[in-house]
Amino acid sequence: MNGAPASSNIRAAFSYCVQQVRSYDYHHYLCLLNLPPPLRKPAFALRAFNIETSRTMDVVSDPKLGLMRLLWWQEAIDKIYAHKTIDHPMAIALSSIVSHNKLSKAWLKRSVEARISDANQEGISKIEELERYSEDTVSTLLYLTLQAGGIKSSVADHAASHIGKANGLLLLLKSIPYHASRGGVVHVPLEVASKHGLLLQRGRLKPEPREELSNAVLEVASVASAHLNKAQELICGVPKEAVPVLLPGVAAQVLLDSLERVRFNVFDPRLNHGILGVSPFWFQLKLKWYAWRGKY
């Protein structure tokens, strides 16, 4: 249908987005609370959209249904930019921020296309492919949030690229037990698995801890750590107003530290305690400390 949705529908759509982030991406929910109020709406809508597309293949019994849903979102983005209203709370919220914040269609499309490509793969060959996937699905969210805030800085974009890659890589590692338990493809590059003697069958492995897996996780986590270090080296050139957008760098560091504490055994139950393996109080305190100091 055409025509702008009523203001009450827009409010309900944004409330839906906030609830989705709070329910399924709590550590980023806490990060977004540190944004200036005008930037929270677009940030929550973008993060909720990411949840919607990232969970698509996990909530369906038939992968074909998940792929159809991703293709639907690909078409929905085209309709949003054609100023057509879609009766879905996420689409209503996206339409509102696209209109008010002049967001790049290319970045939104890229994130969905990366999910579609991933859904069609039977494993990833090289670690560079995993970095590119993280760039397309996570870094793009940070680019769009910076854009929504009217923040134009090549240095901030560069830092966002590294933080997005680090976050993406680490969260994919943390999700290994979940995907392995469901018989799904795990995001361990085949070249890394082979190097450490880890046997993957069409990108799948048995849901159990083993030294070979921990060594492979350590190698990927080391790449994520290098991205975090590069992002932190750029902080002097990042505009002050961009720093709150880049607070997910703190979350990435927390998860990296938690992985190190359990010796990169992603099956260690301590990783599921609290938020990314630390107490909620400690995580929030760390976020507040970095935000107060103007760091990420």
Protein backbone atom coordinates (compact mmCIF):
# COMPACT_ATOMS: atom_id res chain seq x y z
CA MET A 1 0.00 0.00 0.00
CA ASN A 2 1.06 3.59 -0.53
CA GLY A 3 0.94 6.60 1.75
CA ALA A 4 2.76 7.51 4.96
CA PRO A 5 1.94 5.47 8.08
CA ALA A 6 0.20 7.22 10.98
CA SER A 7 2.41 8.70 13.71
CA SER A 8 1.03 6.15 16.19
CA ASN A 9 2.20 3.34 13.90
CA ILE A 10 5.65 4.89 13.68
CA ARG A 11 5.89 5.15 17.48
CA ALA A 12 4.79 1.53 17.81
CA ALA A 13 7.35 0.50 15.19
CA PHE A 14 10.21 2.14 17.06
CA SER A 15 9.03 0.61 20.35
CA TYR A 16 9.10 -2.76 18.62
CA CYS A 17 12.67 -2.14 17.45
CA VAL A 18 13.86 -1.21 20.93
CA GLN A 19 12.24 -4.34 22.38
CA GLN A 20 13.86 -6.54 19.73
CA VAL A 21 17.32 -5.16 20.51
CA ARG A 22 16.75 -5.48 24.25
CA SER A 23 15.59 -9.09 23.87
CA TYR A 24 18.08 -10.43 21.33
CA ASP A 25 21.12 -8.14 21.41
CA TYR A 26 21.30 -6.89 24.97
CA HIS A 27 24.94 -5.83 24.98
CA HIS A 28 24.33 -3.59 21.98
CA TYR A 29 21.13 -2.34 23.63
CA LEU A 30 23.30 -1.05 26.48
CA CYS A 31 25.78 0.46 24.02
CA LEU A 32 23.01 2.35 22.22
CA LEU A 33 21.73 3.89 25.46
CA ASN A 34 24.95 5.93 25.50
CA LEU A 35 24.08 7.63 22.21
CA PRO A 36 22.66 11.18 22.19
CA PRO A 37 18.82 10.99 22.17
CA PRO A 38 18.36 12.15 18.54
CA LEU A 39 20.55 9.29 17.32
CA ARG A 40 18.88 6.52 19.32
CA LYS A 41 15.88 6.03 17.03
CA PRO A 42 17.88 5.37 13.87
CA ALA A 43 20.43 3.32 15.80
CA PHE A 44 17.79 1.07 17.35
CA ALA A 45 15.99 0.67 14.02
CA LEU A 46 19.22 -0.32 12.27
CA ARG A 47 20.25 -2.72 15.02
CA ALA A 48 16.79 -4.31 15.05
CA PHE A 49 16.96 -4.72 11.28
CA ASN A 50 20.27 -6.51 11.74
CA ILE A 51 18.64 -8.84 14.28
CA GLU A 52 15.79 -9.54 11.88
CA THR A 53 18.11 -10.55 9.04
CA SER A 54 20.72 -12.34 11.18
CA ARG A 55 18.11 -14.58 12.87
CA THR A 56 16.18 -15.38 9.71
CA MET A 57 17.92 -18.68 8.98
CA ASP A 58 17.80 -19.72 12.66
CA VAL A 59 14.05 -19.39 13.21
CA VAL A 60 12.83 -21.44 10.25
CA SER A 61 12.58 -25.21 9.91
CA ASP A 62 13.32 -25.13 6.18
CA PRO A 63 16.34 -23.12 4.92
CA LYS A 64 14.38 -22.31 1.75
CA LEU A 65 11.87 -20.36 3.86
CA GLY A 66 14.67 -18.38 5.46
CA LEU A 67 16.15 -17.57 2.08
CA MET A 68 12.75 -16.44 0.83
CA ARG A 69 12.47 -14.14 3.83
CA LEU A 70 15.85 -12.57 3.11
CA LEU A 71 14.86 -12.06 -0.51
CA TRP A 72 11.65 -10.42 0.74
CA TRP A 73 13.75 -7.95 2.75
CA GLN A 74 15.88 -7.26 -0.30
CA GLU A 75 12.74 -6.27 -2.18
CA ALA A 76 11.37 -4.39 0.85
CA ILE A 77 14.38 -2.07 0.83
CA ASP A 78 13.67 -1.21 -2.80
CA LYS A 79 10.06 -0.42 -1.89
CA ILE A 80 11.11 1.72 1.08
CA TYR A 81 13.33 3.85 -1.16
CA ALA A 82 10.47 4.05 -3.65
CA HIS A 83 8.39 5.60 -0.82
CA LYS A 84 6.02 2.64 -0.59
CA THR A 85 4.66 1.71 2.83
CA ILE A 86 5.05 -1.88 4.00
CA ASP A 87 2.85 -3.15 6.81
CA HIS A 88 5.66 -4.47 9.01
CA PRO A 89 6.94 -2.64 12.11
CA MET A 90 10.60 -3.02 11.10
CA ALA A 91 9.91 -1.73 7.61
CA ILE A 92 7.91 1.20 9.00
CA ALA A 93 10.81 2.16 11.30
CA LEU A 94 13.34 1.81 8.48
CA SER A 95 11.19 3.89 6.17
CA SER A 96 11.02 6.64 8.78
CA ILE A 97 14.78 6.85 9.34
CA VAL A 98 15.57 6.55 5.63
CA SER A 99 13.30 9.54 5.04
CA HIS A 100 14.58 11.66 7.94
CA ASN A 101 18.25 10.70 7.97
CA LYS A 102 18.96 10.18 4.26
CA LEU A 103 20.59 6.79 4.72
CA SER A 104 22.54 4.99 2.01
CA LYS A 105 20.52 2.34 0.23
CA ALA A 106 23.71 0.61 -0.89
CA TRP A 107 24.77 -0.20 2.67
CA LEU A 108 21.36 -1.57 3.64
CA LYS A 109 21.25 -3.71 0.51
CA ARG A 110 24.81 -4.91 1.07
CA SER A 111 23.95 -6.24 4.52
CA VAL A 112 21.04 -8.32 3.20
CA GLU A 113 23.01 -9.54 0.19
CA ALA A 114 25.76 -10.76 2.54
CA ARG A 115 23.18 -12.74 4.55
CA ILE A 116 21.79 -14.27 1.35
CA SER A 117 25.26 -15.25 0.18
CA ASP A 118 26.06 -16.76 3.58
CA ALA A 119 22.82 -18.76 3.56
CA ASN A 120 23.84 -20.33 0.25
CA GLN A 121 27.35 -21.32 1.37
CA GLU A 122 28.63 -24.62 2.71
CA GLY A 123 31.45 -23.08 4.71
CA ILE A 124 33.94 -20.27 4.26
CA SER A 125 37.34 -20.97 2.71
CA LYS A 126 39.55 -18.11 3.86
CA ILE A 127 39.62 -15.79 6.82
CA GLU A 128 39.47 -12.81 4.46
CA GLU A 129 35.99 -13.98 3.44
CA LEU A 130 34.95 -13.97 7.09
CA GLU A 131 36.32 -10.45 7.49
CA ARG A 132 34.40 -9.30 4.41
CA TYR A 133 31.20 -10.87 5.75
CA SER A 134 31.69 -9.05 9.07
CA GLU A 135 32.35 -5.81 7.21
CA ASP A 136 29.18 -6.18 5.15
CA THR A 137 26.91 -7.15 8.05
CA VAL A 138 28.34 -5.32 11.08
CA SER A 139 30.57 -2.47 9.92
CA THR A 140 27.76 -1.27 7.66
CA LEU A 141 25.56 -0.73 10.74
CA LEU A 142 28.17 1.61 12.17
CA TYR A 143 28.56 3.46 8.85
CA LEU A 144 24.78 3.95 8.70
CA THR A 145 24.62 5.13 12.32
CA LEU A 146 27.38 7.66 11.68
CA GLN A 147 25.51 8.78 8.60
CA ALA A 148 22.28 9.10 10.58
CA GLY A 149 24.10 11.42 12.97
CA GLY A 150 25.39 13.56 10.12
CA ILE A 151 28.96 12.60 11.05
CA LYS A 152 31.25 12.80 8.03
CA SER A 153 34.74 11.59 8.86
CA SER A 154 36.93 9.17 6.93
CA VAL A 155 38.81 8.41 10.16
CA ALA A 156 35.57 7.52 11.97
CA ASP A 157 34.55 5.34 9.02
CA HIS A 158 37.94 3.63 9.11
CA ALA A 159 37.60 2.96 12.84
CA ALA A 160 34.04 1.71 12.31
CA SER A 161 35.29 -0.73 9.69
CA HIS A 162 37.80 -2.27 12.11
CA ILE A 163 35.36 -2.35 15.05
CA GLY A 164 32.67 -3.95 12.89
CA LYS A 165 35.06 -6.62 11.66
CA ALA A 166 36.26 -7.36 15.19
CA ASN A 167 32.70 -7.57 16.52
CA GLY A 168 31.56 -9.72 13.64
CA LEU A 169 34.42 -12.19 13.92
CA LEU A 170 34.10 -12.56 17.70
CA LEU A 171 30.32 -12.99 17.70
CA LEU A 172 30.59 -15.61 14.96
CA LEU A 173 33.08 -17.49 17.14
CA LYS A 174 30.77 -17.27 20.15
CA SER A 175 27.92 -18.69 18.05
CA ILE A 176 29.82 -21.86 17.10
CA PRO A 177 28.23 -24.07 19.82
CA TYR A 178 24.73 -22.95 18.83
CA HIS A 179 25.21 -23.67 15.14
CA ALA A 180 27.09 -26.92 15.79
CA SER A 181 24.29 -28.19 18.06
CA ARG A 182 21.76 -27.56 15.28
CA GLY A 183 23.88 -29.23 12.61
CA GLY A 184 24.46 -25.90 10.90
CA VAL A 185 27.48 -24.41 9.20
CA VAL A 186 29.99 -22.93 11.65
CA HIS A 187 32.00 -19.87 10.71
CA VAL A 188 35.48 -21.33 10.95
CA PRO A 189 37.40 -20.78 7.69
CA LEU A 190 38.39 -24.06 6.08
CA GLU A 191 42.02 -22.98 5.71
CA VAL A 192 42.21 -22.25 9.46
CA ALA A 193 40.50 -25.54 10.35
CA SER A 194 42.85 -27.50 8.11
CA LYS A 195 45.92 -25.76 9.57
CA HIS A 196 44.96 -26.89 13.09
CA GLY A 197 43.79 -30.39 12.20
CA LEU A 198 40.12 -29.59 12.74
CA LEU A 199 37.87 -31.73 10.55
CA LEU A 200 34.88 -29.91 9.08
CA GLN A 201 32.36 -31.72 6.93
CA ARG A 202 30.69 -29.22 4.60
CA GLY A 203 31.33 -26.52 7.18
CA ARG A 204 29.89 -28.55 10.06
CA LEU A 205 31.43 -30.09 13.18
CA LYS A 206 30.42 -32.12 16.22
CA PRO A 207 29.13 -29.96 19.12
CA GLU A 208 31.94 -30.69 21.55
CA PRO A 209 35.09 -28.93 22.80
CA ARG A 210 38.45 -29.98 21.43
CA GLU A 211 41.94 -28.55 21.35
CA GLU A 212 41.98 -28.24 17.57
CA LEU A 213 38.89 -26.04 17.68
CA SER A 214 40.30 -23.85 20.44
CA ASN A 215 43.46 -23.30 18.39
CA ALA A 216 41.39 -22.35 15.33
CA VAL A 217 39.29 -19.97 17.45
CA LEU A 218 42.47 -18.40 18.82
CA GLU A 219 43.72 -17.68 15.29
CA VAL A 220 40.47 -15.98 14.23
CA ALA A 221 40.26 -14.11 17.54
CA SER A 222 43.81 -12.83 16.98
CA VAL A 223 42.67 -11.26 13.71
CA ALA A 224 39.77 -9.63 15.58
CA SER A 225 42.21 -8.33 18.19
CA ALA A 226 44.36 -6.78 15.47
CA HIS A 227 41.30 -4.96 14.12
CA LEU A 228 40.51 -3.61 17.59
CA ASN A 229 44.08 -2.39 18.00
CA LYS A 230 43.92 -0.58 14.65
CA ALA A 231 40.62 1.07 15.62
CA GLN A 232 42.09 2.25 18.91
CA GLU A 233 45.15 3.68 17.15
CA LEU A 234 42.80 5.93 15.17
CA ILE A 235 41.00 7.44 18.15
CA CYS A 236 42.91 10.73 18.15
CA GLY A 237 41.52 11.52 14.69
CA VAL A 238 37.94 10.45 15.40
CA PRO A 239 35.51 13.36 15.94
CA LYS A 240 34.15 13.55 19.48
CA GLU A 241 30.57 13.11 18.31
CA ALA A 242 31.47 9.82 16.60
CA VAL A 243 32.90 8.13 19.69
CA PRO A 244 29.54 7.01 21.21
CA VAL A 245 28.68 5.28 17.92
CA LEU A 246 31.90 3.27 18.21
CA LEU A 247 31.25 1.98 21.75
CA PRO A 248 30.63 -1.54 20.38
CA GLY A 249 34.43 -1.66 20.36
CA VAL A 250 34.19 -1.99 24.15
CA ALA A 251 31.83 -4.95 23.76
CA ALA A 252 34.26 -6.60 21.36
CA GLN A 253 37.12 -6.19 23.82
CA VAL A 254 35.02 -7.67 26.63
CA LEU A 255 34.21 -10.74 24.53
CA LEU A 256 37.83 -11.09 23.45
CA ASP A 257 38.94 -10.99 27.09
CA SER A 258 36.29 -13.57 28.02
CA LEU A 259 37.48 -15.90 25.27
CA GLU A 260 41.03 -15.54 26.51
CA ARG A 261 39.96 -16.40 30.08
CA VAL A 262 38.44 -19.70 28.91
CA ARG A 263 41.46 -20.41 26.68
CA PHE A 264 39.34 -19.98 23.55
CA ASN A 265 37.10 -22.93 24.36
CA VAL A 266 33.83 -21.63 22.92
CA PHE A 267 31.96 -24.46 24.65
CA ASP A 268 32.95 -23.20 28.11
CA PRO A 269 29.65 -22.31 29.88
CA ARG A 270 31.26 -19.22 31.45
CA LEU A 271 30.93 -17.48 28.08
CA ASN A 272 27.14 -17.55 28.52
CA HIS A 273 27.17 -16.00 31.98
CA GLY A 274 26.03 -12.40 32.33
CA ILE A 275 26.88 -10.28 29.28
CA LEU A 276 29.55 -11.71 26.98
CA GLY A 277 30.99 -13.66 29.89
CA VAL A 278 31.11 -10.85 32.48
CA SER A 279 28.61 -9.59 35.04
CA PRO A 280 26.02 -7.08 33.78
CA PHE A 281 27.21 -4.57 36.39
CA TRP A 282 30.83 -4.82 35.22
CA PHE A 283 29.84 -4.54 31.57
CA GLN A 284 27.75 -1.42 32.16
CA LEU A 285 30.45 0.11 34.35
CA LYS A 286 33.02 -0.47 31.62
CA LEU A 287 30.73 1.13 29.02
CA LYS A 288 30.11 4.17 31.23
CA TRP A 289 33.82 4.53 31.97
CA TYR A 290 34.77 4.50 28.28
CA ALA A 291 31.90 6.82 27.34
CA TRP A 292 32.91 9.28 30.10
CA ARG A 293 36.52 9.24 28.93
CA GLY A 294 35.52 9.68 25.28
CA LYS A 295 37.04 6.38 24.23
CA TYR A 296 35.89 3.15 22.63
